[in-house]
C-alpha atoms as a PDB file:
ATOM      1  CA  UNK A   1     -28.390  24.435  10.004  1.00  0.00           C
ATOM      2  CA  UNK A   2     -25.791  25.424   7.460  1.00  0.00           C
ATOM      3  CA  UNK A   3     -22.804  24.803   9.838  1.00  0.00           C
ATOM      4  CA  UNK A   4     -24.013  21.200  10.222  1.00  0.00           C
ATOM      5  CA  UNK A   5     -24.351  20.849   6.415  1.00  0.00           C
ATOM      6  CA  UNK A   6     -21.012  22.259   5.776  1.00  0.00           C
ATOM      7  CA  UNK A   7     -19.245  20.164   8.455  1.00  0.00           C
ATOM      8  CA  UNK A   8     -20.173  16.921   6.781  1.00  0.00           C
ATOM      9  CA  UNK A   9     -18.247  17.549   3.379  1.00  0.00           C
ATOM     10  CA  UNK A  10     -15.258  19.218   5.244  1.00  0.00           C
ATOM     11  CA  UNK A  11     -14.974  16.233   7.598  1.00  0.00           C
ATOM     12  CA  UNK A  12     -14.906  13.794   4.554  1.00  0.00           C
ATOM     13  CA  UNK A  13     -12.511  15.830   2.553  1.00  0.00           C
ATOM     14  CA  UNK A  14     -10.057  15.825   5.486  1.00  0.00           C
ATOM     15  CA  UNK A  15      -8.996  12.280   4.511  1.00  0.00           C
ATOM     16  CA  UNK A  16      -7.927  13.287   0.963  1.00  0.00           C
ATOM     17  CA  UNK A  17      -4.561  14.731   1.922  1.00  0.00           C
ATOM     18  CA  UNK A  18      -3.410  11.823   4.120  1.00  0.00           C
ATOM     19  CA  UNK A  19      -4.636   9.315   1.586  1.00  0.00           C
ATOM     20  CA  UNK A  20      -2.738  10.912  -1.191  1.00  0.00           C
ATOM     21  CA  UNK A  21       0.298  11.672   0.738  1.00  0.00           C
ATOM     22  CA  UNK A  22       0.554   8.460   2.549  1.00  0.00           C
ATOM     23  CA  UNK A  23      -0.164   6.390  -0.421  1.00  0.00           C
ATOM     24  CA  UNK A  24       2.383   8.333  -2.491  1.00  0.00           C
ATOM     25  CA  UNK A  25       5.217   8.007   0.080  1.00  0.00           C
ATOM     26  CA  UNK A  26       4.282   4.437   0.994  1.00  0.00           C
ATOM     27  CA  UNK A  27       4.255   3.411  -2.680  1.00  0.00           C
ATOM     28  CA  UNK A  28       7.455   5.163  -3.472  1.00  0.00           C
ATOM     29  CA  UNK A  29       9.275   3.737  -0.630  1.00  0.00           C
ATOM     30  CA  UNK A  30       8.021   0.315  -1.344  1.00  0.00           C
ATOM     31  CA  UNK A  31       8.828   0.459  -4.976  1.00  0.00           C
ATOM     32  CA  UNK A  32      12.373   1.768  -4.241  1.00  0.00           C
ATOM     33  CA  UNK A  33      12.847  -1.253  -1.852  1.00  0.00           C
ATOM     34  CA  UNK A  34      11.538  -3.582  -4.661  1.00  0.00           C
ATOM     35  CA  UNK A  35      14.024  -2.090  -7.059  1.00  0.00           C
ATOM     36  CA  UNK A  36      16.910  -2.426  -4.646  1.00  0.00           C
ATOM     37  CA  UNK A  37      16.193  -6.015  -3.687  1.00  0.00           C
ATOM     38  CA  UNK A  38      14.661  -7.518  -6.844  1.00  0.00           C
ATOM     39  CA  UNK A  39      15.832  -5.333  -9.787  1.00  0.00           C
ATOM     40  CA  UNK A  40      14.079  -2.660 -12.062  1.00  0.00           C
ATOM     41  CA  UNK A  41      11.824  -5.144 -13.772  1.00  0.00           C
ATOM     42  CA  UNK A  42       9.610  -5.540 -10.763  1.00  0.00           C
ATOM     43  CA  UNK A  43       6.756  -3.551 -12.144  1.00  0.00           C
ATOM     44  CA  UNK A  44       6.536  -6.315 -14.872  1.00  0.00           C
ATOM     45  CA  UNK A  45       5.929  -9.049 -12.311  1.00  0.00           C
ATOM     46  CA  UNK A  46       3.158  -6.844 -10.764  1.00  0.00           C
ATOM     47  CA  UNK A  47       1.639  -6.393 -14.127  1.00  0.00           C
ATOM     48  CA  UNK A  48       1.932 -10.195 -14.838  1.00  0.00           C
ATOM     49  CA  UNK A  49      -0.389 -10.579 -11.728  1.00  0.00           C
ATOM     50  CA  UNK A  50      -3.091  -8.984 -13.508  1.00  0.00           C
ATOM     51  CA  UNK A  51      -2.398  -9.829 -17.422  1.00  0.00           C
ATOM     52  CA  UNK A  52      -0.607 -13.271 -17.136  1.00  0.00           C
ATOM     53  CA  UNK A  53       2.977 -14.479 -16.851  1.00  0.00           C
ATOM     54  CA  UNK A  54       3.848 -13.441 -20.393  1.00  0.00           C
ATOM     55  CA  UNK A  55       4.203  -9.844 -18.960  1.00  0.00           C
ATOM     56  CA  UNK A  56       7.337 -10.904 -16.974  1.00  0.00           C
ATOM     57  CA  UNK A  57       9.367 -11.388 -20.318  1.00  0.00           C
ATOM     58  CA  UNK A  58       7.783  -8.752 -22.202  1.00  0.00           C
ATOM     59  CA  UNK A  59       9.838  -5.903 -23.546  1.00  0.00           C
ATOM     60  CA  UNK A  60       6.902  -3.449 -23.913  1.00  0.00           C
ATOM     61  CA  UNK A  61       7.108  -0.234 -21.894  1.00  0.00           C
ATOM     62  CA  UNK A  62       3.227  -0.262 -21.339  1.00  0.00           C
ATOM     63  CA  UNK A  63       3.582  -3.464 -19.280  1.00  0.00           C
ATOM     64  CA  UNK A  64       6.256  -1.799 -17.068  1.00  0.00           C
ATOM     65  CA  UNK A  65       3.998   1.223 -16.485  1.00  0.00           C
ATOM     66  CA  UNK A  66       0.922  -0.891 -15.968  1.00  0.00           C
ATOM     67  CA  UNK A  67       2.955  -2.569 -13.169  1.00  0.00           C
ATOM     68  CA  UNK A  68       3.901   0.632 -11.662  1.00  0.00           C
ATOM     69  CA  UNK A  69       0.403   2.034 -11.807  1.00  0.00           C
ATOM     70  CA  UNK A  70      -0.941  -1.147 -10.248  1.00  0.00           C
ATOM     71  CA  UNK A  71       1.535  -0.977  -7.415  1.00  0.00           C
ATOM     72  CA  UNK A  72       0.576   2.572  -6.616  1.00  0.00           C
ATOM     73  CA  UNK A  73      -3.226   1.743  -6.890  1.00  0.00           C
ATOM     74  CA  UNK A  74      -2.546  -0.792  -4.042  1.00  0.00           C
ATOM     75  CA  UNK A  75      -0.630   1.661  -1.962  1.00  0.00           C
ATOM     76  CA  UNK A  76      -3.419   4.174  -2.198  1.00  0.00           C
ATOM     77  CA  UNK A  77      -5.869   1.521  -1.580  1.00  0.00           C
ATOM     78  CA  UNK A  78      -4.041   0.616   1.634  1.00  0.00           C
ATOM     79  CA  UNK A  79      -3.829   4.359   2.757  1.00  0.00           C
ATOM     80  CA  UNK A  80      -7.546   4.691   1.967  1.00  0.00           C
ATOM     81  CA  UNK A  81      -8.420   1.664   4.112  1.00  0.00           C
ATOM     82  CA  UNK A  82      -6.456   3.009   7.180  1.00  0.00           C
ATOM     83  CA  UNK A  83      -7.667   6.473   6.805  1.00  0.00           C
ATOM     84  CA  UNK A  84     -11.372   5.386   6.550  1.00  0.00           C
ATOM     85  CA  UNK A  85     -10.873   3.022   9.532  1.00  0.00           C
ATOM     86  CA  UNK A  86      -9.445   5.952  11.581  1.00  0.00           C
ATOM     87  CA  UNK A  87     -12.843   7.613  11.498  1.00  0.00           C
ATOM     88  CA  UNK A  88     -14.271   4.764  13.560  1.00  0.00           C
ATOM     89  CA  UNK A  89     -11.045   3.658  15.429  1.00  0.00           C
ATOM     90  CA  UNK A  90      -9.846   6.971  16.499  1.00  0.00           C
ATOM     91  CA  UNK A  91      -6.725   5.447  18.253  1.00  0.00           C
ATOM     92  CA  UNK A  92      -5.356   4.730  14.753  1.00  0.00           C
ATOM     93  CA  UNK A  93      -4.548   8.411  14.498  1.00  0.00           C
ATOM     94  CA  UNK A  94      -3.549   8.838  18.136  1.00  0.00           C
ATOM     95  CA  UNK A  95      -1.228   5.963  18.301  1.00  0.00           C
ATOM     96  CA  UNK A  96      -0.048   6.199  14.657  1.00  0.00           C
ATOM     97  CA  UNK A  97       3.500   4.710  15.199  1.00  0.00           C
ATOM     98  CA  UNK A  98       2.325   1.264  16.625  1.00  0.00           C
ATOM     99  CA  UNK A  99      -0.934   1.055  14.723  1.00  0.00           C
ATOM    100  CA  UNK A 100       0.850   2.105  11.411  1.00  0.00           C
ATOM    101  CA  UNK A 101       3.330  -0.695  12.042  1.00  0.00           C
ATOM    102  CA  UNK A 102       0.710  -3.227  12.710  1.00  0.00           C
ATOM    103  CA  UNK A 103      -1.163  -2.054   9.602  1.00  0.00           C
ATOM    104  CA  UNK A 104       1.917  -2.702   7.707  1.00  0.00           C
ATOM    105  CA  UNK A 105       2.071  -6.203   8.889  1.00  0.00           C
ATOM    106  CA  UNK A 106      -1.568  -6.626   7.820  1.00  0.00           C
ATOM    107  CA  UNK A 107      -0.916  -5.232   4.401  1.00  0.00           C
ATOM    108  CA  UNK A 108       1.937  -7.750   4.108  1.00  0.00           C
ATOM    109  CA  UNK A 109      -0.221 -10.634   5.114  1.00  0.00           C
ATOM    110  CA  UNK A 110      -3.170  -9.619   2.887  1.00  0.00           C
ATOM    111  CA  UNK A 111      -0.744  -9.456  -0.196  1.00  0.00           C
ATOM    112  CA  UNK A 112       1.132 -12.671   0.443  1.00  0.00           C
ATOM    113  CA  UNK A 113      -2.067 -14.699   1.686  1.00  0.00           C
ATOM    114  CA  UNK A 114      -4.673 -13.345  -0.393  1.00  0.00           C
ATOM    115  CA  UNK A 115      -3.637 -11.268  -3.380  1.00  0.00           C
ATOM    116  CA  UNK A 116      -0.721 -13.170  -4.566  1.00  0.00           C
ATOM    117  CA  UNK A 117      -2.453 -16.624  -4.554  1.00  0.00           C
ATOM    118  CA  UNK A 118      -5.340 -15.093  -6.505  1.00  0.00           C
ATOM    119  CA  UNK A 119      -3.405 -13.306  -9.043  1.00  0.00           C
ATOM    120  CA  UNK A 120      -2.679 -14.532 -12.502  1.00  0.00           C
ATOM    121  CA  UNK A 121       0.288 -16.659 -11.636  1.00  0.00           C
ATOM    122  CA  UNK A 122      -1.153 -17.977  -8.232  1.00  0.00           C
ATOM    123  CA  UNK A 123       2.026 -17.487  -6.218  1.00  0.00           C
ATOM    124  CA  UNK A 124       1.851 -19.388  -2.828  1.00  0.00           C
ATOM    125  CA  UNK A 125       5.373 -19.902  -2.008  1.00  0.00           C
ATOM    126  CA  UNK A 126       7.484 -21.362  -0.818  1.00  0.00           C
ATOM    127  CA  UNK A 127       8.500 -18.423   1.432  1.00  0.00           C
ATOM    128  CA  UNK A 128      12.007 -18.393   3.062  1.00  0.00           C
ATOM    129  CA  UNK A 129      12.316 -17.180   6.607  1.00  0.00           C
ATOM    130  CA  UNK A 130      14.492 -14.384   5.235  1.00  0.00           C
ATOM    131  CA  UNK A 131      11.764 -13.190   2.798  1.00  0.00           C
ATOM    132  CA  UNK A 132       9.041 -13.224   5.386  1.00  0.00           C
ATOM    133  CA  UNK A 133      11.119 -11.247   7.934  1.00  0.00           C
ATOM    134  CA  UNK A 134      12.337  -8.684   5.254  1.00  0.00           C
ATOM    135  CA  UNK A 135       8.771  -8.390   3.884  1.00  0.00           C
ATOM    136  CA  UNK A 136       7.235  -7.856   7.255  1.00  0.00           C
ATOM    137  CA  UNK A 137       9.860  -5.198   8.268  1.00  0.00           C
ATOM    138  CA  UNK A 138       9.720  -3.320   5.058  1.00  0.00           C
ATOM    139  CA  UNK A 139       5.902  -3.235   5.278  1.00  0.00           C
ATOM    140  CA  UNK A 140       6.015  -2.099   8.800  1.00  0.00           C
ATOM    141  CA  UNK A 141       8.361   0.658   8.336  1.00  0.00           C
ATOM    142  CA  UNK A 142       8.150   1.812   4.595  1.00  0.00           C
ATOM    143  CA  UNK A 143       4.353   1.269   4.330  1.00  0.00           C
ATOM    144  CA  UNK A 144       2.396   1.227   7.616  1.00  0.00           C
ATOM    145  CA  UNK A 145       4.395   3.861   9.228  1.00  0.00           C
ATOM    146  CA  UNK A 146       4.174   6.610   6.346  1.00  0.00           C
ATOM    147  CA  UNK A 147       0.439   5.925   6.112  1.00  0.00           C
ATOM    148  CA  UNK A 148      -0.024   6.347   9.778  1.00  0.00           C
ATOM    149  CA  UNK A 149       2.218   9.269   9.934  1.00  0.00           C
ATOM    150  CA  UNK A 150       0.457  10.863   7.149  1.00  0.00           C
ATOM    151  CA  UNK A 151      -2.926  10.603   8.829  1.00  0.00           C
ATOM    152  CA  UNK A 152      -1.493  12.093  11.927  1.00  0.00           C
ATOM    153  CA  UNK A 153       0.116  14.977  10.290  1.00  0.00           C
ATOM    154  CA  UNK A 154      -2.277  15.760   7.444  1.00  0.00           C
ATOM    155  CA  UNK A 155      -5.683  14.228   8.668  1.00  0.00           C
ATOM    156  CA  UNK A 156      -8.430  16.409   9.952  1.00  0.00           C
END
């Protein structure tokens, strides 16, 4: 009876490492990619999605930090979704390369088609083909794949 009781908490805690590691790696890679392609003020744009467009032109350090924190909240949220889904869909861990890359595409689509239109500046495009291809590839390789790999390597 005690073995069954102990197995439940250990089973659930087995997701903490892949969520934290996958979210940290994916968030870091994505932020570096954003810095390279759009400049060091990208966190201000992320913060503007929550507090309003005035944040883009703000010189306050807390706005920049808020954007960085929000960026990592999204990354950890994505890692949490993938890892929690893997408990029911075991193939997510077994086929982590393909599933992780498709998950990256899903993250991109949710961000561009749901989150950005609903944020404070209601961004809905227009999107260029280059932006779409680059965004999908970045999300596949730098977000989905590290999250899938972290589940495979660090998940229970």
